[in-house]
Amino acid sequence: MDNREFFRSRFGITQGDLERLLGEALARGGHYADLYLEYKIRDFLSMEESILRNASKNITQGVGIRVIEGSETGYAYADGFDMQELFRAAQIASSIAHGPGPTSAPPIPASKGIFHDLYAVAVPLVDIELTAKLRLLEEADRLSRGYDSRIVEVRVVLANESKHVLIYSSCGDAVSDLQPLTVFQVSCIAATNGDRQIGIRGGGGRVGMEFFDTKPPAHFALDAARQAILLLGAQDAPAGPMEVVLGPGWPGILLHEAIGHGLEADFNRKKLSAFSGRIGQKVSSELCSVVDDGTLPSRRGSLNIHDEGNPTGRTVLIENGILCRYMQDALSARLMGAAPTGNGRRESHAWMPMPRMTNTFMLPGMSTNEEIIRSVRRGLYAANFGGGQVDITNGKFVFSASEAYLIEGGRITAPVRGATLIGNGPDVLTRVSMVGNDLELDEGIGTCGKDGQSVPVGVGTPTIKVDEITVGGTRS
């Protein structure tokens, strides 16, 4: 169903209503306006102590109205589809954006390009009967607990949503999408002699029940239990500068945080990023090529259309060490004289779009994982990451490794715990000396925060060797 028909039949919003709202939004000036209509159903299930602890379902709905005049943006929204409230929101947005006069800057471009069909889900999981979803949780809980008697706590979460969006702009565009999203996650706590350790594994994407045909609950449950038991026997991590090898897949979160945010256009337009003004310059080892791609089928960070109504795309950010471009939304692209890259994203109708990542990853190189490990005399192999912090202005980061091992004499040896990686994103890129041929994307759990907004994203990397990163640990 075209979402214009969905919003008309369900809420009585007609084409004429949309045009009148745009007219009101532009009544006080402004060279561009758009409407973002959203209707989202979300369910959430969690199991703890083998008992269903939470089962909830909620609806988010409303319209966000944006007006742009020069470099000024007015934004207002209504949580619903009452026309009186929507006209009031249009008036507020118009008043906020009312500038000193017309601008000579080029207009926001109309939607163009090939629209995708990236998530052909027959039935979104939010619409599947409760008993079928409960079986997934129960299986994961049973298998996790049966892995080892030291597994003392298990939590399983299944969260699903289905979102109708319609974006209508003063350029004459009307584009729509139906966006499913699922995440399944298992957390296990292992305990012995007063020591407690946690293992977490999850995945998902813009998928339906068919996702569990290839990634059944056992895939996540057994690995979460394995991680928790592994950490019980792990030794304390060493400290100091050393060679570090990042494993493939989820360790790409370091790339996302330490480098990706610094390549978002708004930070660079405002000269806040360590990468500001460096287009065309060498910013990393020539082995590094970094891409943001919102067109990967079924991936968590992918979208048929981004949240300003244009198709998502594949953007080469860094190629063979040279900074090529930033990730742009329509406003930053217009103000910087660049082409939009399909990266205008927002959390919901209550938020303005801004430049955000989709699926961000490093392209594969020529080395094998085994060759990279053999090249390290003494170092750390970081197979998985937990949380981290980054300063966008200088690229400094601190990340905790949730699963890591010593590398001794070219071999992976003992597991360690308590390792943190401390460094500077742009500097780390220059220290990459080997890139693997084993690119993996994460399994679909990434959520990115920026200026109070959260959006689903994907990350990925092949095995990467960094000649030196400071490792924070508890022994020298």
Protein backbone atom coordinates (compact mmCIF):
# COMPACT_ATOMS: atom_id res chain seq x y z
CA MET A 1 0.00 0.00 0.00
CA ASP A 2 1.23 3.51 -0.85
CA ASN A 3 1.57 5.22 2.53
CA ARG A 4 -0.43 8.18 1.27
CA GLU A 5 -3.33 5.74 1.08
CA PHE A 6 -2.40 4.30 4.50
CA PHE A 7 -2.50 7.69 6.21
CA ARG A 8 -5.65 8.70 4.30
CA SER A 9 -7.60 5.55 5.12
CA ARG A 10 -6.45 5.31 8.76
CA PHE A 11 -6.34 8.97 9.79
CA GLY A 12 -8.20 10.87 7.08
CA ILE A 13 -5.07 12.77 5.91
CA THR A 14 -5.64 13.70 2.26
CA GLN A 15 -3.36 15.06 -0.45
CA GLY A 16 -5.09 18.40 -0.04
CA ASP A 17 -4.33 18.40 3.70
CA LEU A 18 -0.64 17.83 3.01
CA GLU A 19 -0.52 20.67 0.48
CA ARG A 20 -2.29 23.06 2.86
CA LEU A 21 0.18 22.18 5.64
CA LEU A 22 3.11 22.93 3.34
CA GLY A 23 1.48 26.19 2.32
CA GLU A 24 1.10 27.21 5.96
CA ALA A 25 4.70 26.22 6.70
CA LEU A 26 5.96 28.51 3.91
CA ALA A 27 3.52 31.35 4.56
CA ARG A 28 6.09 33.51 6.40
CA GLY A 29 9.01 32.88 4.07
CA GLY A 30 11.36 29.98 3.75
CA HIS A 31 12.60 28.38 0.55
CA TYR A 32 11.87 24.76 1.51
CA ALA A 33 9.54 22.78 3.74
CA ASP A 34 8.80 19.12 4.30
CA LEU A 35 6.47 16.90 6.29
CA TYR A 36 7.48 13.64 7.96
CA LEU A 37 4.50 11.43 8.80
CA GLU A 38 5.13 8.42 11.01
CA TYR A 39 3.11 5.53 12.43
CA LYS A 40 5.14 2.94 14.37
CA ILE A 41 4.09 -0.18 16.26
CA ARG A 42 6.69 -1.69 18.58
CA ASP A 43 6.62 -4.74 20.82
CA PHE A 44 9.11 -5.79 23.47
CA LEU A 45 9.50 -9.16 25.21
CA SER A 46 12.03 -10.04 27.90
CA MET A 47 12.59 -13.27 29.82
CA GLU A 48 14.49 -13.49 33.10
CA GLU A 49 14.76 -16.44 35.52
CA SER A 50 12.93 -18.45 32.84
CA ILE A 51 9.87 -16.24 33.34
CA LEU A 52 8.40 -13.73 30.90
CA ARG A 53 9.10 -10.52 32.81
CA ASN A 54 7.98 -7.95 30.27
CA ALA A 55 5.55 -8.02 27.38
CA SER A 56 4.60 -4.63 26.01
CA LYS A 57 3.31 -3.06 22.84
CA ASN A 58 3.17 0.62 22.02
CA ILE A 59 2.38 2.97 19.17
CA THR A 60 4.24 6.13 18.18
CA GLN A 61 2.56 8.43 15.69
CA GLY A 62 2.69 12.00 14.50
CA VAL A 63 4.03 14.54 12.02
CA GLY A 64 7.24 16.55 12.01
CA ILE A 65 7.26 19.80 10.02
CA ARG A 66 10.50 21.44 8.90
CA VAL A 67 11.02 24.84 7.28
CA ILE A 68 14.43 26.00 5.98
CA GLU A 69 15.32 29.61 5.23
CA GLY A 70 18.98 30.19 4.41
CA SER A 71 20.94 28.46 7.15
CA GLU A 72 18.05 28.66 9.62
CA THR A 73 15.76 25.71 10.31
CA GLY A 74 12.41 25.80 12.04
CA TYR A 75 11.00 22.52 13.35
CA ALA A 76 7.84 21.57 15.18
CA TYR A 77 5.81 18.41 15.53
CA ALA A 78 2.51 17.01 16.73
CA ASP A 79 1.95 13.61 18.34
CA GLY A 80 -1.03 12.70 16.23
CA PHE A 81 -2.93 13.70 13.12
CA ASP A 82 -5.40 16.30 14.36
CA MET A 83 -5.36 18.96 11.63
CA GLN A 84 -5.72 21.85 14.05
CA GLU A 85 -2.61 20.72 15.93
CA LEU A 86 -0.76 20.14 12.67
CA PHE A 87 -1.52 23.65 11.42
CA ARG A 88 -0.29 25.01 14.73
CA ALA A 89 2.96 23.05 14.33
CA ALA A 90 3.36 24.39 10.78
CA GLN A 91 2.94 27.96 12.05
CA ILE A 92 5.56 27.42 14.78
CA ALA A 93 8.09 25.93 12.37
CA SER A 94 7.49 28.79 9.95
CA SER A 95 7.98 31.40 12.68
CA ILE A 96 11.22 29.83 13.91
CA ALA A 97 12.74 29.73 10.42
CA HIS A 98 11.66 33.21 9.37
CA GLY A 99 14.90 34.89 8.34
CA PRO A 100 15.93 38.41 7.28
CA GLY A 101 15.14 37.78 3.63
CA PRO A 102 15.61 35.48 0.66
CA THR A 103 18.84 33.59 0.23
CA SER A 104 20.92 33.17 -2.88
CA ALA A 105 21.96 29.64 -1.89
CA PRO A 106 20.83 26.84 -4.20
CA PRO A 107 17.57 25.12 -3.27
CA ILE A 108 17.21 21.77 -1.56
CA PRO A 109 17.25 19.26 -4.44
CA ALA A 110 14.21 17.17 -5.27
CA SER A 111 14.33 13.43 -4.65
CA LYS A 112 16.12 11.54 -7.37
CA GLY A 113 17.80 8.22 -7.93
CA ILE A 114 16.73 4.62 -7.82
CA PHE A 115 14.56 3.67 -4.88
CA HIS A 116 15.44 0.37 -3.26
CA ASP A 117 13.58 -2.71 -2.06
CA LEU A 118 15.98 -3.85 0.65
CA TYR A 119 13.72 -5.60 3.15
CA ALA A 120 11.02 -7.65 1.50
CA VAL A 121 9.65 -9.09 4.76
CA ALA A 122 6.44 -11.03 4.23
CA VAL A 123 5.17 -10.53 7.81
CA PRO A 124 7.00 -8.21 10.24
CA LEU A 125 7.77 -9.95 13.53
CA VAL A 126 5.68 -7.38 15.37
CA ASP A 127 2.64 -9.00 13.69
CA ILE A 128 3.60 -12.62 14.47
CA GLU A 129 1.57 -14.38 17.16
CA LEU A 130 2.95 -14.14 20.71
CA THR A 131 3.37 -17.90 21.20
CA ALA A 132 5.79 -18.18 18.26
CA LYS A 133 7.95 -15.38 19.66
CA LEU A 134 7.86 -16.87 23.16
CA ARG A 135 9.28 -20.12 21.80
CA LEU A 136 12.36 -18.21 20.62
CA LEU A 137 12.95 -16.78 24.10
CA GLU A 138 12.35 -20.11 25.82
CA GLU A 139 14.77 -21.96 23.57
CA ALA A 140 17.52 -19.41 24.14
CA ASP A 141 16.95 -19.48 27.90
CA ARG A 142 17.05 -23.29 28.06
CA LEU A 143 20.19 -23.65 25.94
CA SER A 144 22.08 -20.93 27.81
CA ARG A 145 21.36 -22.50 31.18
CA GLY A 146 22.30 -25.94 29.91
CA TYR A 147 25.69 -24.82 28.62
CA ASP A 148 27.40 -24.89 32.02
CA SER A 149 26.26 -25.14 35.64
CA ARG A 150 28.07 -21.87 36.37
CA ILE A 151 25.57 -19.92 34.24
CA VAL A 152 23.42 -18.43 37.02
CA GLU A 153 21.41 -15.73 35.24
CA VAL A 154 20.03 -15.46 31.72
CA ARG A 155 18.13 -12.60 30.12
CA VAL A 156 16.65 -12.87 26.64
CA VAL A 157 15.16 -9.92 24.78
CA LEU A 158 13.18 -9.75 21.53
CA ALA A 159 12.21 -6.28 20.29
CA ASN A 160 10.35 -5.68 17.02
CA GLU A 161 8.86 -2.75 15.19
CA SER A 162 7.09 -1.86 11.99
CA LYS A 163 7.11 1.78 10.88
CA HIS A 164 5.09 3.49 8.14
CA VAL A 165 6.65 6.75 6.96
CA LEU A 166 5.57 9.32 4.38
CA ILE A 167 7.76 12.29 3.44
CA TYR A 168 6.13 15.10 1.50
CA SER A 169 8.14 18.15 0.44
CA SER A 170 7.67 21.51 -1.21
CA CYS A 171 9.77 20.19 -4.12
CA GLY A 172 6.73 18.14 -5.08
CA ASP A 173 8.09 14.83 -3.76
CA ALA A 174 5.97 12.27 -1.93
CA VAL A 175 7.87 9.12 -0.97
CA SER A 176 6.99 6.43 1.51
CA ASP A 177 8.33 3.27 3.10
CA LEU A 178 7.35 0.46 5.44
CA GLN A 179 10.34 -0.30 7.69
CA PRO A 180 10.53 -3.49 9.78
CA LEU A 181 13.18 -3.88 12.48
CA THR A 182 14.05 -6.75 14.84
CA VAL A 183 16.70 -7.36 17.48
CA PHE A 184 17.23 -10.55 19.52
CA GLN A 185 19.75 -10.55 22.37
CA VAL A 186 20.91 -13.01 25.00
CA SER A 187 22.83 -12.01 28.15
CA CYS A 188 24.37 -14.64 30.43
CA ILE A 189 26.01 -14.19 33.83
CA ALA A 190 28.44 -16.84 35.01
CA ALA A 191 29.55 -17.02 38.64
CA THR A 192 32.01 -19.02 40.74
CA ASN A 193 33.77 -18.29 44.04
CA GLY A 194 32.37 -14.76 44.16
CA ASP A 195 33.50 -13.91 40.63
CA ARG A 196 30.72 -12.87 38.21
CA GLN A 197 31.20 -12.30 34.48
CA ILE A 198 28.80 -11.48 31.67
CA GLY A 199 28.58 -12.59 28.05
CA ILE A 200 26.28 -10.93 25.51
CA ARG A 201 25.40 -11.91 21.96
CA GLY A 202 22.65 -10.62 19.71
CA GLY A 203 21.57 -9.93 16.18
CA GLY A 204 18.74 -8.92 13.91
CA GLY A 205 18.05 -6.42 11.17
CA ARG A 206 15.20 -5.47 8.87
CA VAL A 207 14.05 -9.07 8.88
CA GLY A 208 11.13 -11.35 9.67
CA MET A 209 10.85 -14.81 11.23
CA GLU A 210 13.01 -16.19 8.40
CA PHE A 211 16.04 -14.62 10.13
CA PHE A 212 15.98 -17.44 12.69
CA ASP A 213 16.28 -20.09 9.98
CA THR A 214 19.97 -19.24 9.61
CA LYS A 215 20.58 -17.63 13.02
CA PRO A 216 18.49 -19.72 15.45
CA PRO A 217 18.31 -18.88 19.18
CA ALA A 218 21.09 -21.43 19.80
CA HIS A 219 23.51 -19.30 17.77
CA PHE A 220 23.19 -16.43 20.23
CA ALA A 221 22.51 -18.37 23.44
CA LEU A 222 25.50 -20.69 23.28
CA ASP A 223 27.93 -17.94 22.36
CA ALA A 224 26.74 -15.62 25.15
CA ALA A 225 27.21 -18.48 27.62
CA ARG A 226 30.64 -19.27 26.15
CA GLN A 227 31.79 -15.67 26.61
CA ALA A 228 30.67 -15.55 30.23
CA ILE A 229 32.41 -18.84 31.11
CA LEU A 230 35.55 -17.78 29.21
CA LEU A 231 35.86 -14.61 31.28
CA LEU A 232 35.64 -16.54 34.55
CA GLY A 233 39.00 -18.12 33.74
CA ALA A 234 40.58 -15.08 32.11
CA GLN A 235 43.64 -13.36 33.51
CA ASP A 236 43.94 -9.63 34.04
CA ALA A 237 44.81 -7.68 30.90
CA PRO A 238 48.30 -6.22 30.52
CA ALA A 239 48.82 -2.47 30.34
CA GLY A 240 50.93 -0.26 28.11
CA PRO A 241 51.51 0.49 24.42
CA MET A 242 51.41 -2.62 22.26
CA GLU A 243 50.41 -4.07 18.94
CA VAL A 244 46.65 -4.64 18.76
CA VAL A 245 44.70 -6.78 16.33
CA LEU A 246 41.00 -6.02 15.93
CA GLY A 247 38.93 -9.05 14.98
CA PRO A 248 36.39 -8.95 12.13
CA GLY A 249 32.79 -7.80 12.57
CA TRP A 250 31.59 -6.01 15.69
CA PRO A 251 35.03 -4.45 16.49
CA GLY A 252 34.08 -2.09 13.66
CA ILE A 253 32.26 -0.18 16.41
CA LEU A 254 35.63 1.42 17.16
CA LEU A 255 35.78 2.63 13.54
CA HIS A 256 32.19 3.92 13.81
CA GLU A 257 32.81 5.91 16.98
CA ALA A 258 36.42 7.03 16.66
CA ILE A 259 36.30 7.93 12.97
CA GLY A 260 32.75 7.74 11.59
CA HIS A 261 31.22 10.53 13.67
CA GLY A 262 34.10 12.78 12.70
CA LEU A 263 33.12 12.34 9.03
CA GLU A 264 29.52 13.54 9.48
CA ALA A 265 29.04 16.78 7.58
CA ASP A 266 27.51 18.96 10.30
CA PHE A 267 30.58 18.59 12.53
CA ASN A 268 32.81 19.50 9.59
CA ARG A 269 30.62 22.40 8.42
CA LYS A 270 30.95 23.83 11.94
CA LYS A 271 34.71 23.05 12.06
CA LEU A 272 34.26 20.81 15.10
CA SER A 273 35.79 17.62 13.72
CA ALA A 274 39.38 16.46 13.63
CA PHE A 275 38.74 15.88 9.90
CA SER A 276 37.46 19.40 9.11
CA GLY A 277 38.94 20.90 5.94
CA ARG A 278 40.87 17.75 5.06
CA ILE A 279 39.07 16.54 1.92
CA GLY A 280 41.71 15.28 -0.54
CA GLN A 281 44.34 14.83 2.17
CA LYS A 282 45.89 11.63 3.44
CA VAL A 283 44.29 10.81 6.78
CA SER A 284 45.22 7.16 7.22
CA SER A 285 47.41 4.32 6.08
CA GLU A 286 46.98 3.65 2.36
CA LEU A 287 45.65 0.22 3.37
CA CYS A 288 42.47 1.83 4.72
CA SER A 289 39.31 2.40 2.68
CA VAL A 290 36.14 3.21 4.63
CA VAL A 291 32.60 3.11 3.27
CA ASP A 292 29.13 4.02 4.53
CA ASP A 293 26.45 2.01 2.71
CA GLY A 294 22.72 2.22 3.41
CA THR A 295 21.80 -0.11 0.54
CA LEU A 296 22.78 -3.51 1.98
CA PRO A 297 19.75 -5.84 1.97
CA SER A 298 18.12 -6.55 5.34
CA ARG A 299 20.86 -4.83 7.35
CA ARG A 300 19.96 -2.96 10.52
CA GLY A 301 21.38 0.34 9.26
CA SER A 302 19.86 0.11 5.77
CA LEU A 303 16.89 2.11 4.47
CA ASN A 304 15.05 2.24 1.16
CA ILE A 305 14.80 5.99 1.67
CA HIS A 306 16.57 8.08 4.23
CA ASP A 307 14.55 10.34 6.49
CA GLU A 308 14.49 13.30 4.09
CA GLY A 309 12.99 11.27 1.24
CA ASN A 310 15.98 10.47 -0.99
CA PRO A 311 17.31 6.97 -1.70
CA THR A 312 20.15 5.85 0.51
CA GLY A 313 23.50 5.24 -1.19
CA ARG A 314 27.02 3.90 -0.93
CA THR A 315 29.51 6.59 0.01
CA VAL A 316 33.27 6.06 -0.09
CA LEU A 317 34.58 8.18 2.79
CA ILE A 318 38.25 7.23 2.75
CA GLU A 319 39.92 5.55 -0.24
CA ASN A 320 43.45 4.18 0.06
CA GLY A 321 44.11 6.57 2.90
CA ILE A 322 42.72 9.71 1.19
CA LEU A 323 39.68 11.48 2.66
CA CYS A 324 37.13 11.66 -0.17
CA ARG A 325 33.93 13.10 1.29
CA TYR A 326 31.73 13.58 4.32
CA MET A 327 28.33 12.07 5.05
CA GLN A 328 25.75 14.68 4.09
CA ASP A 329 22.14 15.45 4.80
CA ALA A 330 20.29 17.88 2.52
CA LEU A 331 20.93 21.00 4.62
CA SER A 332 24.66 20.46 5.15
CA ALA A 333 25.11 19.50 1.50
CA ARG A 334 23.40 22.70 0.40
CA LEU A 335 25.44 24.90 2.73
CA MET A 336 28.72 23.16 1.87
CA GLY A 337 28.07 23.02 -1.88
CA ALA A 338 28.23 19.22 -1.88
CA ALA A 339 25.93 16.47 -3.10
CA PRO A 340 23.65 14.75 -0.56
CA THR A 341 24.85 11.24 0.24
CA GLY A 342 21.66 9.68 1.62
CA ASN A 343 22.62 10.16 5.28
CA GLY A 344 19.84 12.44 6.55
CA ARG A 345 18.38 10.50 9.49
CA ARG A 346 16.15 11.08 12.51
CA GLU A 347 14.94 9.03 15.46
CA SER A 348 11.28 9.85 14.91
CA HIS A 349 8.85 12.56 13.82
CA ALA A 350 9.78 14.46 17.00
CA TRP A 351 13.32 15.14 15.73
CA MET A 352 14.96 17.04 12.89
CA PRO A 353 17.10 15.02 10.48
CA MET A 354 20.87 15.36 10.66
CA PRO A 355 23.87 13.63 9.05
CA ARG A 356 24.11 10.11 10.50
CA MET A 357 25.81 6.86 9.59
CA THR A 358 23.98 3.83 8.15
CA ASN A 359 26.27 0.78 7.79
CA THR A 360 29.90 1.90 8.17
CA PHE A 361 32.81 -0.45 7.58
CA MET A 362 36.36 -0.82 6.32
CA LEU A 363 36.89 -2.62 3.03
CA PRO A 364 38.91 -5.87 3.03
CA GLY A 365 42.62 -6.01 2.30
CA MET A 366 44.98 -8.74 1.13
CA SER A 367 46.21 -10.43 4.33
CA THR A 368 44.71 -13.48 6.01
CA ASN A 369 43.74 -13.49 9.67
CA GLU A 370 46.45 -16.09 10.30
CA GLU A 371 49.15 -13.98 8.63
CA ILE A 372 48.21 -10.99 10.76
CA ILE A 373 48.32 -12.96 14.00
CA ARG A 374 51.67 -14.55 13.09
CA SER A 375 53.19 -11.10 12.55
CA VAL A 376 52.63 -10.06 16.19
CA ARG A 377 55.32 -10.91 18.74
CA ARG A 378 53.46 -9.60 21.77
CA GLY A 379 50.12 -7.91 21.66
CA LEU A 380 46.38 -8.05 22.18
CA TYR A 381 43.65 -9.62 20.03
CA ALA A 382 40.36 -7.76 20.57
CA ALA A 383 37.58 -10.06 19.39
CA ASN A 384 34.64 -8.09 20.77
CA PHE A 385 33.86 -4.71 22.30
CA GLY A 386 31.59 -3.30 24.94
CA GLY A 387 31.08 0.41 25.56
CA GLY A 388 33.27 3.38 24.74
CA GLN A 389 33.60 7.15 24.68
CA VAL A 390 34.87 9.49 21.96
CA ASP A 391 35.63 13.22 21.74
CA ILE A 392 34.62 14.26 18.20
CA THR A 393 36.75 17.40 18.23
CA ASN A 394 40.06 15.56 18.58
CA GLY A 395 39.18 11.91 17.97
CA LYS A 396 40.34 10.67 21.37
CA PHE A 397 38.62 7.45 22.44
CA VAL A 398 38.42 4.90 25.25
CA PHE A 399 36.88 1.47 24.48
CA SER A 400 36.45 -1.60 26.63
CA ALA A 401 37.15 -5.00 25.07
CA SER A 402 34.52 -7.50 26.20
CA GLU A 403 36.43 -10.44 24.74
CA ALA A 404 40.19 -10.28 24.25
CA TYR A 405 43.23 -12.54 24.19
CA LEU A 406 46.99 -12.25 24.46
CA ILE A 407 49.05 -12.73 21.30
CA GLU A 408 52.40 -14.27 22.15
CA GLY A 409 54.97 -15.34 19.59
CA GLY A 410 52.51 -15.09 16.73
CA ARG A 411 49.81 -17.19 18.45
CA ILE A 412 46.57 -16.35 20.26
CA THR A 413 46.99 -17.65 23.80
CA ALA A 414 45.28 -16.74 27.09
CA PRO A 415 41.97 -14.88 27.39
CA VAL A 416 42.18 -11.60 29.33
CA ARG A 417 39.65 -9.32 30.95
CA GLY A 418 39.58 -5.68 31.90
CA ALA A 419 41.29 -4.47 28.71
CA THR A 420 40.58 -0.98 27.43
CA LEU A 421 41.92 0.62 24.28
CA ILE A 422 42.97 4.26 24.60
CA GLY A 423 43.93 6.34 21.59
CA ASN A 424 43.10 8.85 18.92
CA GLY A 425 40.97 7.81 15.93
CA PRO A 426 42.83 9.69 13.17
CA ASP A 427 46.17 8.62 14.67
CA VAL A 428 45.12 4.97 14.89
CA LEU A 429 44.24 4.97 11.18
CA THR A 430 47.80 5.99 10.31
CA ARG A 431 49.15 3.05 12.35
CA VAL A 432 47.24 0.34 10.47
CA SER A 433 49.90 -1.93 8.96
CA MET A 434 47.85 -4.96 7.84
CA VAL A 435 44.22 -5.37 6.73
CA GLY A 436 42.59 -8.78 6.44
CA ASN A 437 40.63 -10.26 3.56
CA ASP A 438 37.88 -11.42 5.96
CA LEU A 439 35.44 -8.50 6.14
CA GLU A 440 32.45 -9.20 8.36
CA LEU A 441 29.52 -6.99 9.32
CA ASP A 442 28.05 -7.10 12.80
CA GLU A 443 25.03 -9.31 13.36
CA GLY A 444 22.56 -6.45 13.77
CA ILE A 445 22.53 -4.89 17.23
CA GLY A 446 24.06 -1.43 16.71
CA THR A 447 22.31 1.71 17.98
CA CYS A 448 24.00 5.08 17.56
CA GLY A 449 23.40 8.13 19.73
CA LYS A 450 23.93 11.75 18.68
CA ASP A 451 22.48 14.97 20.12
CA GLY A 452 19.90 12.98 22.06
CA GLN A 453 18.74 10.93 19.08
CA SER A 454 19.18 7.17 18.66
CA VAL A 455 19.05 5.38 15.29
CA PRO A 456 19.83 1.79 14.24
CA VAL A 457 23.18 1.35 12.50
CA GLY A 458 25.52 -1.35 11.25
CA VAL A 459 29.29 -1.64 11.60
CA GLY A 460 31.96 -3.93 10.23
CA THR A 461 35.63 -4.51 9.65
CA PRO A 462 38.05 -7.17 8.48
CA THR A 463 40.85 -8.22 10.81
CA ILE A 464 43.08 -5.16 11.28
CA LYS A 465 46.56 -4.85 12.78
CA VAL A 466 47.42 -1.55 14.48
CA ASP A 467 51.12 -1.20 15.23
CA GLU A 468 50.54 0.54 18.53
CA ILE A 469 47.59 1.38 20.77
CA THR A 470 47.77 2.08 24.48
CA VAL A 471 46.06 -0.75 26.35
CA GLY A 472 44.70 0.03 29.77
CA GLY A 473 44.84 -3.04 32.00
CA THR A 474 45.57 -4.05 35.56
CA ARG A 475 49.06 -5.51 35.20
CA SER A 476 52.25 -4.32 33.50
